């Protein structure tokens, strides 16, 4: 069976749309339609019910979906095994959201390579929906996410709760004097809600960045302040490129790891141990940041974004 047909079927099933599937596969909508029609002819059943609202799986399509995922997983495993470079006997494909690669994902790779030199590693970057799809398809076997999605065949584990801290690109920043120099980084609905409660005067500054850690490059070059991960900004603060904003509340943002349950036990053990080793170092760095923030605050305490309003309610 043509693996492109299987991938196209899974993309349409995931998006519920021939149009969206064509955009993600970088082919025309007519090409998607032709592939699905060929697949239906091969199987002798309609796989989708088409309508103006999109495409939904028929009962036959629902039944075939599990087989499609297995076919794609088997294809990826065989492809990776055949493509193993000389001297490597095992492989793993890992993924992470963009903001989780610096200081975390890259160090994870370093630790895995040190612990298991014969392990071939492939890395992917993407948004949660795309990485979850790749996990289900078997093209990714473990991933780091802020917003994981529980699906059959996947296991979710807590990694750590990283602090989002406010930093500025100039010395001695003042929380009360950020007007016109604050960039709102959208870290998701929970952060947006807490930020609106605790810092309403900064919630709609006219500049919103849905860029995650990429926001650091923006604010450093334009003299802005923003909320960014403590583990990420610590290096810039130590180098005198960014500065903590005194008395700005922090926001705990959980990180999760998602694993395919059929990942080889030995590889999974090495990957898990390597991740925990990286996390222990990051937690030490985060504690150091917390101590610096406490030293900068007037009363030696740091509030959590949103907490003060929760207590009053």
Protein backbone atom coordinates (compact mmCIF):
# COMPACT_ATOMS: atom_id res chain seq x y z
CA UNK A 1 0.00 0.00 0.00
CA UNK A 2 1.22 3.50 -0.84
CA UNK A 3 2.19 5.07 2.49
CA UNK A 4 1.23 8.52 1.15
CA UNK A 5 -2.39 7.34 1.01
CA UNK A 6 -2.25 6.31 4.66
CA UNK A 7 -0.69 9.62 5.72
CA UNK A 8 -3.31 11.55 3.78
CA UNK A 9 -6.12 9.54 5.36
CA UNK A 10 -4.78 10.24 8.86
CA UNK A 11 -4.37 13.94 8.10
CA UNK A 12 -7.96 14.27 6.90
CA UNK A 13 -9.17 12.29 9.92
CA UNK A 14 -7.21 14.56 12.29
CA UNK A 15 -8.29 17.86 10.72
CA UNK A 16 -11.79 16.90 9.60
CA UNK A 17 -11.16 18.76 6.37
CA UNK A 18 -9.75 18.02 2.92
CA UNK A 19 -8.69 21.67 2.68
CA UNK A 20 -6.79 21.71 5.96
CA UNK A 21 -5.20 18.36 5.15
CA UNK A 22 -3.95 19.71 1.82
CA UNK A 23 -2.42 22.71 3.58
CA UNK A 24 -0.58 20.53 6.08
CA UNK A 25 0.60 18.08 3.44
CA UNK A 26 1.60 20.86 1.01
CA UNK A 27 -0.41 19.37 -1.85
CA UNK A 28 -3.53 20.52 -3.67
CA UNK A 29 -7.01 19.71 -2.42
CA UNK A 30 -7.64 17.70 -5.59
CA UNK A 31 -4.57 15.58 -4.80
CA UNK A 32 -5.97 14.85 -1.34
CA UNK A 33 -9.35 13.92 -2.82
CA UNK A 34 -7.70 11.63 -5.38
CA UNK A 35 -5.64 9.85 -2.71
CA UNK A 36 -8.66 9.26 -0.49
CA UNK A 37 -10.69 8.02 -3.47
CA UNK A 38 -7.90 5.58 -4.41
CA UNK A 39 -7.74 4.32 -0.83
CA UNK A 40 -11.52 3.84 -0.70
CA UNK A 41 -11.41 1.92 -3.98
CA UNK A 42 -8.66 -0.35 -2.63
CA UNK A 43 -10.61 -1.04 0.57
CA UNK A 44 -14.00 -1.22 -1.09
CA UNK A 45 -15.61 1.16 1.45
CA UNK A 46 -16.18 4.86 1.86
CA UNK A 47 -13.97 6.21 4.64
CA UNK A 48 -15.40 9.72 4.97
CA UNK A 49 -18.77 11.38 4.85
CA UNK A 50 -18.29 14.61 2.91
CA UNK A 51 -20.32 17.74 3.64
CA UNK A 52 -19.99 21.51 3.54
CA UNK A 53 -18.90 21.34 7.18
CA UNK A 54 -15.97 19.07 6.34
CA UNK A 55 -15.23 15.34 6.44
CA UNK A 56 -16.17 12.89 9.17
CA UNK A 57 -15.13 9.27 9.45
CA UNK A 58 -17.64 6.61 8.48
CA UNK A 59 -17.84 3.42 10.56
CA UNK A 60 -15.45 1.82 8.07
CA UNK A 61 -13.14 4.84 8.40
CA UNK A 62 -13.17 4.58 12.18
CA UNK A 63 -12.27 0.91 11.96
CA UNK A 64 -9.48 1.57 9.45
CA UNK A 65 -7.94 4.39 11.52
CA UNK A 66 -6.33 1.98 14.00
CA UNK A 67 -4.86 -0.08 11.18
CA UNK A 68 -3.62 3.09 9.48
CA UNK A 69 -1.76 4.17 12.60
CA UNK A 70 -0.21 0.69 12.91
CA UNK A 71 0.82 0.71 9.24
CA UNK A 72 2.46 4.11 9.56
CA UNK A 73 4.22 3.15 12.78
CA UNK A 74 5.57 -0.04 11.19
CA UNK A 75 6.73 1.96 8.17
CA UNK A 76 8.53 4.52 10.33
CA UNK A 77 10.18 1.84 12.45
CA UNK A 78 11.45 -0.02 9.40
CA UNK A 79 12.60 3.23 7.76
CA UNK A 80 14.49 4.33 10.86
CA UNK A 81 16.03 0.89 11.39
CA UNK A 82 17.24 0.63 7.79
CA UNK A 83 18.56 4.20 7.92
CA UNK A 84 20.57 3.65 11.10
CA UNK A 85 24.11 4.96 10.55
CA UNK A 86 27.00 2.55 10.92
CA UNK A 87 27.88 2.04 14.58
CA UNK A 88 24.36 2.72 15.87
CA UNK A 89 22.09 -0.09 17.01
CA UNK A 90 19.11 1.74 18.54
CA UNK A 91 17.07 4.80 17.61
CA UNK A 92 14.62 7.27 19.11
CA UNK A 93 12.71 10.21 17.71
CA UNK A 94 11.87 12.98 20.17
CA UNK A 95 9.91 16.19 19.83
CA UNK A 96 9.25 19.37 21.78
CA UNK A 97 7.53 22.71 21.50
CA UNK A 98 9.92 25.41 20.38
CA UNK A 99 10.28 27.03 23.81
CA UNK A 100 11.24 23.70 25.37
CA UNK A 101 14.27 23.02 23.18
CA UNK A 102 16.70 25.65 24.55
CA UNK A 103 18.22 24.68 27.93
CA UNK A 104 16.04 21.54 28.09
CA UNK A 105 15.54 19.54 24.89
CA UNK A 106 19.11 20.11 23.67
CA UNK A 107 20.54 19.06 27.03
CA UNK A 108 18.29 15.99 26.94
CA UNK A 109 19.93 14.98 23.67
CA UNK A 110 23.39 15.53 25.18
CA UNK A 111 22.61 13.30 28.15
CA UNK A 112 21.13 10.52 26.00
CA UNK A 113 24.16 10.53 23.71
CA UNK A 114 26.51 10.35 26.70
CA UNK A 115 24.56 7.52 28.34
CA UNK A 116 23.99 5.50 25.16
CA UNK A 117 26.52 6.26 22.38
CA UNK A 118 24.95 3.66 20.09
CA UNK A 119 21.61 5.50 20.13
CA UNK A 120 20.64 7.39 16.96
CA UNK A 121 18.48 10.42 17.80
CA UNK A 122 16.09 12.35 15.58
CA UNK A 123 14.46 15.58 16.79
CA UNK A 124 11.24 17.36 15.80
CA UNK A 125 9.68 20.71 16.71
CA UNK A 126 6.01 21.58 16.56
CA UNK A 127 2.84 22.72 18.28
CA UNK A 128 1.02 20.31 20.65
CA UNK A 129 -1.51 19.12 18.05
CA UNK A 130 1.17 18.27 15.50
CA UNK A 131 3.43 16.54 18.03
CA UNK A 132 0.51 14.54 19.42
CA UNK A 133 -0.34 13.41 15.91
CA UNK A 134 3.27 12.38 15.33
CA UNK A 135 3.27 10.47 18.61
CA UNK A 136 0.15 8.59 17.56
CA UNK A 137 1.60 7.89 14.13
CA UNK A 138 4.89 6.66 15.61
CA UNK A 139 7.06 9.24 13.86
CA UNK A 140 7.83 10.66 17.32
CA UNK A 141 8.26 8.38 20.33
CA UNK A 142 8.65 10.88 23.16
CA UNK A 143 7.88 14.59 23.41
CA UNK A 144 8.02 17.56 25.78
CA UNK A 145 4.83 19.64 25.90
CA UNK A 146 3.14 22.36 27.91
CA UNK A 147 -0.33 21.14 26.98
CA UNK A 148 -0.32 17.35 26.46
CA UNK A 149 -3.27 15.39 25.14
CA UNK A 150 -3.98 11.94 26.54
CA UNK A 151 -4.58 9.41 23.79
CA UNK A 152 -4.64 5.58 23.70
CA UNK A 153 -1.11 4.19 23.52
CA UNK A 154 0.47 7.28 25.10
CA UNK A 155 1.65 7.87 28.67
CA UNK A 156 1.94 11.35 30.18
CA UNK A 157 4.41 12.14 32.97
CA UNK A 158 5.05 15.42 34.84
CA UNK A 159 8.51 16.81 34.17
CA UNK A 160 8.72 20.00 36.21
CA UNK A 161 6.90 23.24 36.88
CA UNK A 162 8.97 26.02 35.42
CA UNK A 163 8.54 29.61 36.52
CA UNK A 164 7.66 32.33 34.08
CA UNK A 165 9.38 35.49 35.34
CA UNK A 166 9.23 39.07 34.15
CA UNK A 167 12.49 40.40 32.72
CA UNK A 168 13.41 43.68 31.05
CA UNK A 169 16.15 44.69 28.62
CA UNK A 170 17.46 47.59 30.74
CA UNK A 171 19.03 47.86 34.22
CA UNK A 172 16.92 48.58 37.32
CA UNK A 173 13.48 48.12 35.73
CA UNK A 174 10.42 49.31 37.66
CA UNK A 175 7.18 47.30 37.58
CA UNK A 176 5.20 50.52 37.90
CA UNK A 177 6.93 52.20 34.95
CA UNK A 178 6.63 49.75 32.05
CA UNK A 179 4.02 51.61 30.06
CA UNK A 180 4.94 51.53 26.38
CA UNK A 181 7.78 49.07 27.00
CA UNK A 182 5.92 45.86 27.80
CA UNK A 183 5.28 42.98 25.41
CA UNK A 184 2.53 40.54 26.37
CA UNK A 185 3.69 36.99 25.66
CA UNK A 186 0.70 34.67 25.32
CA UNK A 187 1.49 31.55 27.35
CA UNK A 188 -2.01 30.09 27.16
CA UNK A 189 -5.45 30.66 28.71
CA UNK A 190 -4.44 30.06 32.34
CA UNK A 191 -1.63 32.59 32.11
CA UNK A 192 -3.81 35.10 30.26
CA UNK A 193 -6.50 34.85 32.95
CA UNK A 194 -4.06 35.18 35.86
CA UNK A 195 -2.26 38.06 34.17
CA UNK A 196 -5.55 39.91 33.60
CA UNK A 197 -6.43 39.57 37.29
CA UNK A 198 -3.08 40.52 38.74
CA UNK A 199 -1.69 42.98 36.20
CA UNK A 200 -4.71 44.48 34.41
CA UNK A 201 -2.79 47.62 33.45
CA UNK A 202 -0.35 45.50 31.41
CA UNK A 203 -2.79 42.97 29.96
CA UNK A 204 -3.48 44.84 26.72
CA UNK A 205 -0.30 46.79 25.93
CA UNK A 206 -0.95 46.83 22.20
CA UNK A 207 1.78 44.26 21.55
CA UNK A 208 1.13 40.52 21.94
CA UNK A 209 3.71 37.87 21.06
CA UNK A 210 2.62 34.25 20.65
CA UNK A 211 6.27 33.32 20.19
CA UNK A 212 7.22 31.67 23.48
CA UNK A 213 10.92 31.96 24.24
CA UNK A 214 11.51 33.66 20.89
CA UNK A 215 10.21 36.73 22.67
CA UNK A 216 13.61 37.07 24.37
CA UNK A 217 15.27 38.07 21.10
CA UNK A 218 12.55 40.60 20.47
CA UNK A 219 12.67 42.36 23.84
CA UNK A 220 16.49 42.42 24.04
CA UNK A 221 16.78 44.25 20.75
CA UNK A 222 13.93 46.69 21.40
CA UNK A 223 14.17 47.50 25.13
CA UNK A 224 10.97 45.80 26.21
CA UNK A 225 9.91 43.73 29.23
CA UNK A 226 8.05 40.41 29.09
CA UNK A 227 7.34 37.12 30.88
CA UNK A 228 9.75 34.36 29.89
CA UNK A 229 10.87 31.00 31.37
CA UNK A 230 13.35 31.35 34.25
CA UNK A 231 15.49 28.48 32.91
CA UNK A 232 15.74 30.27 29.57
CA UNK A 233 16.53 33.81 30.72
CA UNK A 234 19.01 32.94 33.48
CA UNK A 235 21.95 32.88 31.05
CA UNK A 236 20.97 36.28 29.64
CA UNK A 237 20.56 37.74 33.13
CA UNK A 238 23.94 36.39 34.21
CA UNK A 239 25.46 38.00 31.10
CA UNK A 240 23.86 41.38 31.84
CA UNK A 241 21.60 41.30 28.77
CA UNK A 242 18.32 40.98 30.68
CA UNK A 243 17.27 42.07 34.18
CA UNK A 244 14.66 40.72 36.58
CA UNK A 245 11.78 43.09 37.30
CA UNK A 246 11.56 43.47 41.12
CA UNK A 247 8.24 42.52 42.77
CA UNK A 248 6.77 41.12 39.56
CA UNK A 249 4.79 37.96 40.40
CA UNK A 250 5.91 34.66 38.90
CA UNK A 251 3.73 32.10 37.14
CA UNK A 252 4.23 28.31 37.50
CA UNK A 253 3.95 26.63 34.10
CA UNK A 254 4.00 22.80 34.11
CA UNK A 255 6.04 20.83 31.56
CA UNK A 256 5.01 17.28 30.65
CA UNK A 257 6.65 14.42 28.83
CA UNK A 258 4.56 12.16 26.58
CA UNK A 259 5.79 8.67 25.70
CA UNK A 260 4.66 5.99 23.32
CA UNK A 261 3.91 2.91 25.41
CA UNK A 262 5.56 0.61 22.86
CA UNK A 263 8.94 2.37 23.00
CA UNK A 264 11.76 -0.14 23.53
CA UNK A 265 12.23 -0.65 27.29
CA UNK A 266 15.99 -0.11 27.25
CA UNK A 267 15.77 3.04 25.13
CA UNK A 268 12.89 4.35 27.25
CA UNK A 269 14.87 3.77 30.45
CA UNK A 270 17.91 5.64 29.13
CA UNK A 271 15.81 8.51 27.77
CA UNK A 272 13.85 8.85 31.01
CA UNK A 273 16.98 8.80 33.19
CA UNK A 274 18.65 11.39 30.94
CA UNK A 275 15.63 13.67 31.18
CA UNK A 276 15.56 13.45 34.98
CA UNK A 277 19.27 14.32 35.11
CA UNK A 278 18.66 17.46 33.05
CA UNK A 279 15.66 18.42 35.16
CA UNK A 280 17.64 18.21 38.41
CA UNK A 281 20.08 20.80 37.04
CA UNK A 282 17.29 23.05 35.80
CA UNK A 283 15.53 22.93 39.15
CA UNK A 284 18.74 24.09 40.83
CA UNK A 285 18.96 26.98 38.34
CA UNK A 286 15.34 27.86 38.98
CA UNK A 287 15.89 27.91 42.74
CA UNK A 288 18.80 30.31 42.18
CA UNK A 289 16.52 32.58 40.15
CA UNK A 290 13.91 32.45 42.91
CA UNK A 291 16.50 33.50 45.47
CA UNK A 292 17.58 36.43 43.30
CA UNK A 293 13.98 37.55 42.90
CA UNK A 294 13.42 37.36 46.65
CA UNK A 295 16.52 39.48 47.26
CA UNK A 296 15.20 42.08 44.81
CA UNK A 297 11.71 42.27 46.32
CA UNK A 298 10.85 44.76 49.04
CA UNK A 299 9.60 42.20 51.58
CA UNK A 300 11.70 39.24 50.47
CA UNK A 301 8.67 37.35 49.10
CA UNK A 302 7.49 36.66 45.57
CA UNK A 303 3.80 36.47 44.71
CA UNK A 304 2.33 34.03 42.24
CA UNK A 305 0.48 35.59 39.33
CA UNK A 306 -3.25 35.55 40.06
CA UNK A 307 -3.02 34.21 43.63
CA UNK A 308 -3.81 37.46 45.41
CA UNK A 309 -7.18 37.73 43.67
CA UNK A 310 -8.00 34.10 44.24
CA UNK A 311 -7.52 34.55 48.00
CA UNK A 312 -9.72 37.66 48.09
CA UNK A 313 -12.54 35.87 46.28
